[in-house]
Amino acid sequence: MKESNNMSGTFKKDMPFLAHIGELRGHLVRSVIAIVIAAIGVAIFWEELVEYVIMAPLKSTFPTFDWFNAFGELTGYGKIYTGSFDISKDLTNLNPSGQITSQFFAVMVCGVIVSIPYIIYEIWKFVSPALKENERKYAGATISAVTFFFITGVLFSYFLLLPLCTQFLFTYDPFGVGNTWTLPSYIDLFVQLLLSMGVMFLMPVFVYFLTSIGILTPKFLKDYRKHAFIVVLVIAAAITPNDVYSMVLVTIPLWILYEFSILVSNNIYTKQLRSKGTDLVKK
């Protein structure tokens, strides 16, 4: 088969380094354009976005609090969140450009989340020609898997981590002085938690890729479990508001993902060994 068939696409092995940079720039530009278009589309519905998405986790009417109350009644403990609250009404702005900056960040992060399938597609288009033919067949599955885990991380952060952390931190008042939050600080937390958890939930995908190219093995992941747990704790501390409550909420799902990644790595590694054994038998 000719190399033109094997190396279809924009990325070719015999291309000079600067040509690769040029191709990468094209994919990045198209990804940025997709984010901007998605952000503009989101901005059109700004009022609905603020009320039903951005500020919703700050209110006692958010579904998460109803779920925990239902769980408390089911277990006989009773309602966990009994009082009515709306933290969004207590937010203030002390910076003249704080509202503009906050709106920009909120719109852009929503644009990234909406356009993430296309961004992943552009990344795949850049790297896929360097892969083997049988590996390129799984383009759809790869894009779907990355999108699934990223969106799952975002939803986990939005429906569990963000409302529970904000409610706990805002009502925690051991000195009796009350808490006053600024709008930019909340938007920073909103952006940080959603994007960081979206990326961290891609752990099984990264492990799948690294195992496929021979960098990781399930034995390595098992042998360094203790070290990985320390790394997970450090990551949890870095992406949360630096309180133990938030760290625990992040550490648990990340550790579950790590254990799941071991299963993924073991599955890929086993298939590779079987494939090598079949090749030896044929020879």
C-alpha atoms as a PDB file:
ATOM      1  CA  MET A   1       0.000   0.000   0.000  1.00  0.00           C
ATOM      2  CA  LYS A   2       1.340   3.426  -0.872  1.00  0.00           C
ATOM      3  CA  GLU A   3       2.355   5.812   1.830  1.00  0.00           C
ATOM      4  CA  SER A   4      -0.211   8.326   0.646  1.00  0.00           C
ATOM      5  CA  ASN A   5      -2.901   5.859   1.610  1.00  0.00           C
ATOM      6  CA  ASN A   6      -1.300   4.892   4.883  1.00  0.00           C
ATOM      7  CA  MET A   7      -0.633   8.471   5.913  1.00  0.00           C
ATOM      8  CA  SER A   8      -3.872  10.076   4.833  1.00  0.00           C
ATOM      9  CA  GLY A   9      -4.719  13.324   6.571  1.00  0.00           C
ATOM     10  CA  THR A  10      -2.795  16.459   7.367  1.00  0.00           C
ATOM     11  CA  PHE A  11      -0.097  14.905   9.556  1.00  0.00           C
ATOM     12  CA  LYS A  12       2.558  12.922   7.652  1.00  0.00           C
ATOM     13  CA  LYS A  13       5.666  11.273   8.974  1.00  0.00           C
ATOM     14  CA  ASP A  14       7.902  12.777   6.295  1.00  0.00           C
ATOM     15  CA  MET A  15       6.718  16.335   6.908  1.00  0.00           C
ATOM     16  CA  PRO A  16       9.290  18.737   8.422  1.00  0.00           C
ATOM     17  CA  PHE A  17       8.836  19.970  11.958  1.00  0.00           C
ATOM     18  CA  LEU A  18       7.677  23.445  10.930  1.00  0.00           C
ATOM     19  CA  ALA A  19       5.046  21.881   8.681  1.00  0.00           C
ATOM     20  CA  HIS A  20       3.704  19.939  11.662  1.00  0.00           C
ATOM     21  CA  ILE A  21       3.557  23.189  13.634  1.00  0.00           C
ATOM     22  CA  GLY A  22       1.631  24.801  10.805  1.00  0.00           C
ATOM     23  CA  GLU A  23      -0.864  21.957  10.699  1.00  0.00           C
ATOM     24  CA  LEU A  24      -1.254  22.043  14.477  1.00  0.00           C
ATOM     25  CA  ARG A  25      -1.908  25.766  14.295  1.00  0.00           C
ATOM     26  CA  GLY A  26      -4.715  25.152  11.820  1.00  0.00           C
ATOM     27  CA  HIS A  27      -6.395  22.662  14.149  1.00  0.00           C
ATOM     28  CA  LEU A  28      -5.979  25.011  17.111  1.00  0.00           C
ATOM     29  CA  VAL A  29      -7.422  27.946  15.177  1.00  0.00           C
ATOM     30  CA  ARG A  30     -10.473  25.925  14.163  1.00  0.00           C
ATOM     31  CA  SER A  31     -10.910  24.780  17.772  1.00  0.00           C
ATOM     32  CA  VAL A  32     -10.752  28.360  19.024  1.00  0.00           C
ATOM     33  CA  ILE A  33     -13.287  29.432  16.394  1.00  0.00           C
ATOM     34  CA  ALA A  34     -15.599  26.631  17.555  1.00  0.00           C
ATOM     35  CA  ILE A  35     -15.260  27.808  21.171  1.00  0.00           C
ATOM     36  CA  VAL A  36     -16.009  31.410  20.200  1.00  0.00           C
ATOM     37  CA  ILE A  37     -19.087  30.397  18.170  1.00  0.00           C
ATOM     38  CA  ALA A  38     -20.339  28.235  21.044  1.00  0.00           C
ATOM     39  CA  ALA A  39     -19.656  31.051  23.520  1.00  0.00           C
ATOM     40  CA  ILE A  40     -21.631  33.512  21.372  1.00  0.00           C
ATOM     41  CA  GLY A  41     -24.496  31.032  21.204  1.00  0.00           C
ATOM     42  CA  VAL A  42     -24.398  30.667  24.975  1.00  0.00           C
ATOM     43  CA  ALA A  43     -24.230  34.446  25.495  1.00  0.00           C
ATOM     44  CA  ILE A  44     -27.464  34.901  23.547  1.00  0.00           C
ATOM     45  CA  PHE A  45     -29.245  33.117  26.393  1.00  0.00           C
ATOM     46  CA  TRP A  46     -27.308  34.947  29.109  1.00  0.00           C
ATOM     47  CA  GLU A  47     -30.207  35.594  31.470  1.00  0.00           C
ATOM     48  CA  GLU A  48     -31.291  31.937  31.396  1.00  0.00           C
ATOM     49  CA  LEU A  49     -27.662  30.841  31.781  1.00  0.00           C
ATOM     50  CA  VAL A  50     -27.215  32.949  34.909  1.00  0.00           C
ATOM     51  CA  GLU A  51     -30.462  31.936  36.566  1.00  0.00           C
ATOM     52  CA  TYR A  52     -30.678  28.243  35.677  1.00  0.00           C
ATOM     53  CA  VAL A  53     -26.997  27.260  35.374  1.00  0.00           C
ATOM     54  CA  ILE A  54     -24.404  29.544  36.965  1.00  0.00           C
ATOM     55  CA  MET A  55     -26.282  30.691  40.076  1.00  0.00           C
ATOM     56  CA  ALA A  56     -28.508  27.635  40.461  1.00  0.00           C
ATOM     57  CA  PRO A  57     -26.051  25.628  42.666  1.00  0.00           C
ATOM     58  CA  LEU A  58     -26.126  28.473  45.197  1.00  0.00           C
ATOM     59  CA  LYS A  59     -29.829  28.046  45.944  1.00  0.00           C
ATOM     60  CA  SER A  60     -31.604  25.585  48.230  1.00  0.00           C
ATOM     61  CA  THR A  61     -33.945  24.725  45.337  1.00  0.00           C
ATOM     62  CA  PHE A  62     -31.070  23.072  43.445  1.00  0.00           C
ATOM     63  CA  PRO A  63     -31.830  19.349  42.800  1.00  0.00           C
ATOM     64  CA  THR A  64     -28.728  18.167  44.692  1.00  0.00           C
ATOM     65  CA  PHE A  65     -30.097  19.374  48.022  1.00  0.00           C
ATOM     66  CA  ASP A  66     -33.430  17.683  47.314  1.00  0.00           C
ATOM     67  CA  TRP A  67     -31.568  14.431  46.587  1.00  0.00           C
ATOM     68  CA  PHE A  68     -29.682  14.583  49.876  1.00  0.00           C
ATOM     69  CA  ASN A  69     -32.873  15.402  51.785  1.00  0.00           C
ATOM     70  CA  ALA A  70     -34.628  12.431  50.152  1.00  0.00           C
ATOM     71  CA  PHE A  71     -31.673  10.207  51.050  1.00  0.00           C
ATOM     72  CA  GLY A  72     -31.745  11.462  54.642  1.00  0.00           C
ATOM     73  CA  GLU A  73     -35.441  10.687  54.991  1.00  0.00           C
ATOM     74  CA  LEU A  74     -34.969   7.290  53.364  1.00  0.00           C
ATOM     75  CA  THR A  75     -32.285   6.351  55.898  1.00  0.00           C
ATOM     76  CA  GLY A  76     -34.279   7.718  58.822  1.00  0.00           C
ATOM     77  CA  TYR A  77     -31.886  10.587  59.488  1.00  0.00           C
ATOM     78  CA  GLY A  78     -34.297  13.255  58.305  1.00  0.00           C
ATOM     79  CA  LYS A  79     -33.736  16.212  56.034  1.00  0.00           C
ATOM     80  CA  ILE A  80     -30.093  17.261  55.840  1.00  0.00           C
ATOM     81  CA  TYR A  81     -30.728  20.718  54.410  1.00  0.00           C
ATOM     82  CA  THR A  82     -33.744  22.128  56.220  1.00  0.00           C
ATOM     83  CA  GLY A  83     -33.320  25.872  55.764  1.00  0.00           C
ATOM     84  CA  SER A  84     -34.017  27.912  52.663  1.00  0.00           C
ATOM     85  CA  PHE A  85     -31.038  29.851  51.294  1.00  0.00           C
ATOM     86  CA  ASP A  86     -29.884  31.768  48.231  1.00  0.00           C
ATOM     87  CA  ILE A  87     -26.169  32.543  48.389  1.00  0.00           C
ATOM     88  CA  SER A  88     -26.297  34.308  45.007  1.00  0.00           C
ATOM     89  CA  LYS A  89     -28.062  37.271  46.655  1.00  0.00           C
ATOM     90  CA  ASP A  90     -25.139  37.724  49.047  1.00  0.00           C
ATOM     91  CA  LEU A  91     -22.477  37.963  46.342  1.00  0.00           C
ATOM     92  CA  THR A  92     -20.834  41.359  45.936  1.00  0.00           C
ATOM     93  CA  ASN A  93     -18.465  42.956  43.445  1.00  0.00           C
ATOM     94  CA  LEU A  94     -15.550  45.110  44.640  1.00  0.00           C
ATOM     95  CA  ASN A  95     -13.688  45.387  41.340  1.00  0.00           C
ATOM     96  CA  PRO A  96     -14.829  47.891  38.658  1.00  0.00           C
ATOM     97  CA  SER A  97     -14.178  45.316  35.929  1.00  0.00           C
ATOM     98  CA  GLY A  98     -15.196  42.338  38.046  1.00  0.00           C
ATOM     99  CA  GLN A  99     -18.583  41.788  36.425  1.00  0.00           C
ATOM    100  CA  ILE A 100     -17.222  42.053  32.866  1.00  0.00           C
ATOM    101  CA  THR A 101     -14.387  39.633  33.611  1.00  0.00           C
ATOM    102  CA  SER A 102     -16.705  37.218  35.398  1.00  0.00           C
ATOM    103  CA  GLN A 103     -19.183  37.233  32.525  1.00  0.00           C
ATOM    104  CA  PHE A 104     -16.405  36.623  30.001  1.00  0.00           C
ATOM    105  CA  PHE A 105     -14.973  33.668  31.940  1.00  0.00           C
ATOM    106  CA  ALA A 106     -18.406  32.145  32.522  1.00  0.00           C
ATOM    107  CA  VAL A 107     -19.364  32.414  28.846  1.00  0.00           C
ATOM    108  CA  MET A 108     -16.037  31.049  27.628  1.00  0.00           C
ATOM    109  CA  VAL A 109     -16.025  28.028  29.944  1.00  0.00           C
ATOM    110  CA  CYS A 110     -19.562  27.177  28.840  1.00  0.00           C
ATOM    111  CA  GLY A 111     -18.387  27.579  25.247  1.00  0.00           C
ATOM    112  CA  VAL A 112     -15.546  25.120  25.872  1.00  0.00           C
ATOM    113  CA  ILE A 113     -17.906  22.558  27.405  1.00  0.00           C
ATOM    114  CA  VAL A 114     -20.402  22.845  24.544  1.00  0.00           C
ATOM    115  CA  SER A 115     -17.729  22.589  21.848  1.00  0.00           C
ATOM    116  CA  ILE A 116     -15.613  19.865  23.494  1.00  0.00           C
ATOM    117  CA  PRO A 117     -16.672  17.114  21.013  1.00  0.00           C
ATOM    118  CA  TYR A 118     -15.450  19.227  18.086  1.00  0.00           C
ATOM    119  CA  ILE A 119     -12.205  20.135  19.901  1.00  0.00           C
ATOM    120  CA  ILE A 120     -11.512  16.451  20.485  1.00  0.00           C
ATOM    121  CA  TYR A 121     -12.282  15.769  16.827  1.00  0.00           C
ATOM    122  CA  GLU A 122      -9.683  18.355  15.752  1.00  0.00           C
ATOM    123  CA  ILE A 123      -7.072  16.841  18.061  1.00  0.00           C
ATOM    124  CA  TRP A 124      -7.860  13.405  16.676  1.00  0.00           C
ATOM    125  CA  LYS A 125      -7.555  14.654  13.094  1.00  0.00           C
ATOM    126  CA  PHE A 126      -4.061  15.896  13.892  1.00  0.00           C
ATOM    127  CA  VAL A 127      -2.726  12.748  15.567  1.00  0.00           C
ATOM    128  CA  SER A 128      -4.683   9.987  13.818  1.00  0.00           C
ATOM    129  CA  PRO A 129      -2.593   9.825  10.588  1.00  0.00           C
ATOM    130  CA  ALA A 130       0.433   8.913  12.729  1.00  0.00           C
ATOM    131  CA  LEU A 131      -1.441   5.889  14.110  1.00  0.00           C
ATOM    132  CA  LYS A 132      -1.808   2.462  12.599  1.00  0.00           C
ATOM    133  CA  GLU A 133      -4.711   1.676  10.316  1.00  0.00           C
ATOM    134  CA  ASN A 134      -6.462  -0.551  12.869  1.00  0.00           C
ATOM    135  CA  GLU A 135      -6.077   2.178  15.509  1.00  0.00           C
ATOM    136  CA  ARG A 136      -7.669   4.812  13.282  1.00  0.00           C
ATOM    137  CA  LYS A 137     -10.759   2.627  12.958  1.00  0.00           C
ATOM    138  CA  TYR A 138     -11.680   3.505  16.542  1.00  0.00           C
ATOM    139  CA  ALA A 139     -11.891   7.251  15.904  1.00  0.00           C
ATOM    140  CA  GLY A 140     -15.587   7.408  16.733  1.00  0.00           C
ATOM    141  CA  ALA A 141     -15.160   5.351  19.893  1.00  0.00           C
ATOM    142  CA  THR A 142     -12.207   7.469  21.021  1.00  0.00           C
ATOM    143  CA  ILE A 143     -13.999  10.773  20.495  1.00  0.00           C
ATOM    144  CA  SER A 144     -17.087   9.406  22.247  1.00  0.00           C
ATOM    145  CA  ALA A 145     -15.052   8.093  25.202  1.00  0.00           C
ATOM    146  CA  VAL A 146     -13.169  11.357  25.722  1.00  0.00           C
ATOM    147  CA  THR A 147     -16.394  13.355  25.437  1.00  0.00           C
ATOM    148  CA  PHE A 148     -18.195  11.013  27.840  1.00  0.00           C
ATOM    149  CA  PHE A 149     -15.556  11.133  30.570  1.00  0.00           C
ATOM    150  CA  PHE A 150     -15.046  14.893  30.250  1.00  0.00           C
ATOM    151  CA  ILE A 151     -18.767  15.662  30.434  1.00  0.00           C
ATOM    152  CA  THR A 152     -19.149  13.189  33.311  1.00  0.00           C
ATOM    153  CA  GLY A 153     -16.463  15.068  35.229  1.00  0.00           C
ATOM    154  CA  VAL A 154     -18.169  18.388  34.525  1.00  0.00           C
ATOM    155  CA  LEU A 155     -21.556  17.047  35.639  1.00  0.00           C
ATOM    156  CA  PHE A 156     -20.060  15.516  38.780  1.00  0.00           C
ATOM    157  CA  SER A 157     -18.507  18.847  39.664  1.00  0.00           C
ATOM    158  CA  TYR A 158     -21.642  20.820  38.842  1.00  0.00           C
ATOM    159  CA  PHE A 159     -24.233  18.635  40.564  1.00  0.00           C
ATOM    160  CA  LEU A 160     -22.217  17.444  43.549  1.00  0.00           C
ATOM    161  CA  LEU A 161     -18.935  19.202  44.211  1.00  0.00           C
ATOM    162  CA  LEU A 162     -19.921  22.804  43.462  1.00  0.00           C
ATOM    163  CA  PRO A 163     -23.222  23.022  45.408  1.00  0.00           C
ATOM    164  CA  LEU A 164     -21.998  21.060  48.433  1.00  0.00           C
ATOM    165  CA  CYS A 165     -18.714  22.950  48.692  1.00  0.00           C
ATOM    166  CA  THR A 166     -20.245  26.392  48.283  1.00  0.00           C
ATOM    167  CA  GLN A 167     -23.037  25.712  50.778  1.00  0.00           C
ATOM    168  CA  PHE A 168     -20.633  24.295  53.350  1.00  0.00           C
ATOM    169  CA  LEU A 169     -17.998  27.006  52.982  1.00  0.00           C
ATOM    170  CA  PHE A 170     -20.494  29.871  52.982  1.00  0.00           C
ATOM    171  CA  THR A 171     -22.376  28.669  56.067  1.00  0.00           C
ATOM    172  CA  TYR A 172     -19.254  27.604  57.991  1.00  0.00           C
ATOM    173  CA  ASP A 173     -18.853  30.399  60.530  1.00  0.00           C
ATOM    174  CA  PRO A 174     -17.009  29.283  63.699  1.00  0.00           C
ATOM    175  CA  PHE A 175     -16.084  32.877  64.623  1.00  0.00           C
ATOM    176  CA  GLY A 176     -19.583  34.280  64.145  1.00  0.00           C
ATOM    177  CA  VAL A 177     -18.505  37.050  61.779  1.00  0.00           C
ATOM    178  CA  GLY A 178     -20.373  35.907  58.673  1.00  0.00           C
ATOM    179  CA  ASN A 179     -19.013  35.329  55.165  1.00  0.00           C
ATOM    180  CA  THR A 180     -18.981  37.752  52.282  1.00  0.00           C
ATOM    181  CA  TRP A 181     -18.109  36.432  48.829  1.00  0.00           C
ATOM    182  CA  THR A 182     -17.332  38.419  45.722  1.00  0.00           C
ATOM    183  CA  LEU A 183     -18.771  37.537  42.338  1.00  0.00           C
ATOM    184  CA  PRO A 184     -15.335  37.027  40.700  1.00  0.00           C
ATOM    185  CA  SER A 185     -14.276  34.615  43.457  1.00  0.00           C
ATOM    186  CA  TYR A 186     -17.352  32.460  42.883  1.00  0.00           C
ATOM    187  CA  ILE A 187     -16.958  32.509  39.093  1.00  0.00           C
ATOM    188  CA  ASP A 188     -13.289  31.515  39.501  1.00  0.00           C
ATOM    189  CA  LEU A 189     -14.414  28.597  41.663  1.00  0.00           C
ATOM    190  CA  PHE A 190     -17.134  27.704  39.140  1.00  0.00           C
ATOM    191  CA  VAL A 191     -14.662  27.663  36.229  1.00  0.00           C
ATOM    192  CA  GLN A 192     -11.894  25.909  38.177  1.00  0.00           C
ATOM    193  CA  LEU A 193     -14.027  23.054  39.483  1.00  0.00           C
ATOM    194  CA  LEU A 194     -15.864  22.327  36.233  1.00  0.00           C
ATOM    195  CA  LEU A 195     -12.852  22.347  33.916  1.00  0.00           C
ATOM    196  CA  SER A 196     -10.397  20.658  36.300  1.00  0.00           C
ATOM    197  CA  MET A 197     -12.772  17.807  37.102  1.00  0.00           C
ATOM    198  CA  GLY A 198     -13.600  17.419  33.426  1.00  0.00           C
ATOM    199  CA  VAL A 199      -9.903  16.963  32.667  1.00  0.00           C
ATOM    200  CA  MET A 200      -9.250  14.705  35.675  1.00  0.00           C
ATOM    201  CA  PHE A 201     -12.060  12.372  34.645  1.00  0.00           C
ATOM    202  CA  LEU A 202     -10.074  11.675  31.457  1.00  0.00           C
ATOM    203  CA  MET A 203      -7.682   9.534  33.513  1.00  0.00           C
ATOM    204  CA  PRO A 204      -8.945   6.191  32.074  1.00  0.00           C
ATOM    205  CA  VAL A 205      -8.515   7.553  28.531  1.00  0.00           C
ATOM    206  CA  PHE A 206      -4.926   8.644  29.232  1.00  0.00           C
ATOM    207  CA  VAL A 207      -4.158   5.261  30.798  1.00  0.00           C
ATOM    208  CA  TYR A 208      -5.682   3.495  27.786  1.00  0.00           C
ATOM    209  CA  PHE A 209      -3.476   5.482  25.416  1.00  0.00           C
ATOM    210  CA  LEU A 210      -0.264   5.111  27.452  1.00  0.00           C
ATOM    211  CA  THR A 211      -0.826   1.371  27.863  1.00  0.00           C
ATOM    212  CA  SER A 212      -1.501   0.981  24.144  1.00  0.00           C
ATOM    213  CA  ILE A 213       1.861   2.527  23.232  1.00  0.00           C
ATOM    214  CA  GLY A 214       3.723   0.522  25.883  1.00  0.00           C
ATOM    215  CA  ILE A 215       4.526   3.266  28.412  1.00  0.00           C
ATOM    216  CA  LEU A 216       2.236   1.994  31.195  1.00  0.00           C
ATOM    217  CA  THR A 217       1.470  -1.499  32.452  1.00  0.00           C
ATOM    218  CA  PRO A 218      -1.127  -2.683  34.965  1.00  0.00           C
ATOM    219  CA  LYS A 219       1.703  -3.957  37.177  1.00  0.00           C
ATOM    220  CA  PHE A 220       3.200  -0.476  37.340  1.00  0.00           C
ATOM    221  CA  LEU A 221      -0.153   1.044  38.320  1.00  0.00           C
ATOM    222  CA  LYS A 222      -0.676  -1.591  41.010  1.00  0.00           C
ATOM    223  CA  ASP A 223       2.852  -1.354  42.422  1.00  0.00           C
ATOM    224  CA  TYR A 224       2.625   2.424  42.763  1.00  0.00           C
ATOM    225  CA  ARG A 225      -0.853   2.578  44.291  1.00  0.00           C
ATOM    226  CA  LYS A 226       0.417   4.281  47.461  1.00  0.00           C
ATOM    227  CA  HIS A 227       2.329   6.870  45.477  1.00  0.00           C
ATOM    228  CA  ALA A 228      -0.708   7.440  43.255  1.00  0.00           C
ATOM    229  CA  PHE A 229      -2.880   8.060  46.304  1.00  0.00           C
ATOM    230  CA  ILE A 230      -0.530  10.844  47.431  1.00  0.00           C
ATOM    231  CA  VAL A 231      -0.682  12.341  43.937  1.00  0.00           C
ATOM    232  CA  VAL A 232      -4.484  12.176  44.013  1.00  0.00           C
ATOM    233  CA  LEU A 233      -4.509  14.002  47.359  1.00  0.00           C
ATOM    234  CA  VAL A 234      -2.226  16.707  45.978  1.00  0.00           C
ATOM    235  CA  ILE A 235      -4.413  17.135  42.909  1.00  0.00           C
ATOM    236  CA  ALA A 236      -7.549  17.251  45.067  1.00  0.00           C
ATOM    237  CA  ALA A 237      -5.966  19.954  47.212  1.00  0.00           C
ATOM    238  CA  ALA A 238      -4.931  21.936  44.123  1.00  0.00           C
ATOM    239  CA  ILE A 239      -8.327  22.003  42.389  1.00  0.00           C
ATOM    240  CA  THR A 240     -10.524  22.559  45.470  1.00  0.00           C
ATOM    241  CA  PRO A 241     -10.924  25.557  47.811  1.00  0.00           C
ATOM    242  CA  ASN A 242      -8.308  23.999  50.146  1.00  0.00           C
ATOM    243  CA  ASP A 243     -10.640  22.573  52.774  1.00  0.00           C
ATOM    244  CA  VAL A 244     -10.787  18.959  53.933  1.00  0.00           C
ATOM    245  CA  TYR A 245     -14.473  18.604  53.042  1.00  0.00           C
ATOM    246  CA  SER A 246     -13.882  19.490  49.397  1.00  0.00           C
ATOM    247  CA  MET A 247     -10.740  17.358  49.216  1.00  0.00           C
ATOM    248  CA  VAL A 248     -12.652  14.270  50.339  1.00  0.00           C
ATOM    249  CA  LEU A 249     -15.394  14.899  47.769  1.00  0.00           C
ATOM    250  CA  VAL A 250     -12.775  15.047  45.005  1.00  0.00           C
ATOM    251  CA  THR A 251     -10.448  12.302  46.265  1.00  0.00           C
ATOM    252  CA  ILE A 252     -13.105   9.569  46.337  1.00  0.00           C
ATOM    253  CA  PRO A 253     -14.124   9.718  42.638  1.00  0.00           C
ATOM    254  CA  LEU A 254     -10.517  10.255  41.513  1.00  0.00           C
ATOM    255  CA  TRP A 255      -9.406   7.146  43.387  1.00  0.00           C
ATOM    256  CA  ILE A 256     -12.294   5.160  41.904  1.00  0.00           C
ATOM    257  CA  LEU A 257     -11.158   6.355  38.482  1.00  0.00           C
ATOM    258  CA  TYR A 258      -7.625   5.222  39.263  1.00  0.00           C
ATOM    259  CA  GLU A 259      -8.812   1.729  40.154  1.00  0.00           C
ATOM    260  CA  PHE A 260     -10.953   1.686  37.006  1.00  0.00           C
ATOM    261  CA  SER A 261      -7.896   2.777  35.014  1.00  0.00           C
ATOM    262  CA  ILE A 262      -6.023  -0.278  36.326  1.00  0.00           C
ATOM    263  CA  LEU A 263      -8.782  -2.476  34.901  1.00  0.00           C
ATOM    264  CA  VAL A 264      -8.573  -0.623  31.589  1.00  0.00           C
ATOM    265  CA  SER A 265      -4.794  -1.024  31.481  1.00  0.00           C
ATOM    266  CA  ASN A 266      -5.025  -4.706  32.387  1.00  0.00           C
ATOM    267  CA  ASN A 267      -7.559  -5.304  29.608  1.00  0.00           C
ATOM    268  CA  ILE A 268      -5.388  -3.608  26.976  1.00  0.00           C
ATOM    269  CA  TYR A 269      -2.210  -5.304  28.217  1.00  0.00           C
ATOM    270  CA  THR A 270      -3.861  -8.738  28.131  1.00  0.00           C
ATOM    271  CA  LYS A 271      -5.023  -8.171  24.549  1.00  0.00           C
ATOM    272  CA  GLN A 272      -1.488  -7.154  23.554  1.00  0.00           C
ATOM    273  CA  LEU A 273      -0.034 -10.328  25.063  1.00  0.00           C
ATOM    274  CA  ARG A 274      -2.604 -12.449  23.261  1.00  0.00           C
ATOM    275  CA  SER A 275      -1.843 -10.689  19.999  1.00  0.00           C
ATOM    276  CA  LYS A 276       1.885 -11.293  20.411  1.00  0.00           C
ATOM    277  CA  GLY A 277       1.225 -14.947  21.244  1.00  0.00           C
ATOM    278  CA  THR A 278      -0.892 -15.334  18.093  1.00  0.00           C
ATOM    279  CA  ASP A 279       1.857 -13.762  15.975  1.00  0.00           C
ATOM    280  CA  LEU A 280       4.464 -16.162  17.417  1.00  0.00           C
ATOM    281  CA  VAL A 281       2.237 -19.155  16.659  1.00  0.00           C
ATOM    282  CA  LYS A 282       1.786 -17.995  13.054  1.00  0.00           C
ATOM    283  CA  LYS A 283       5.550 -17.652  12.632  1.00  0.00           C
END
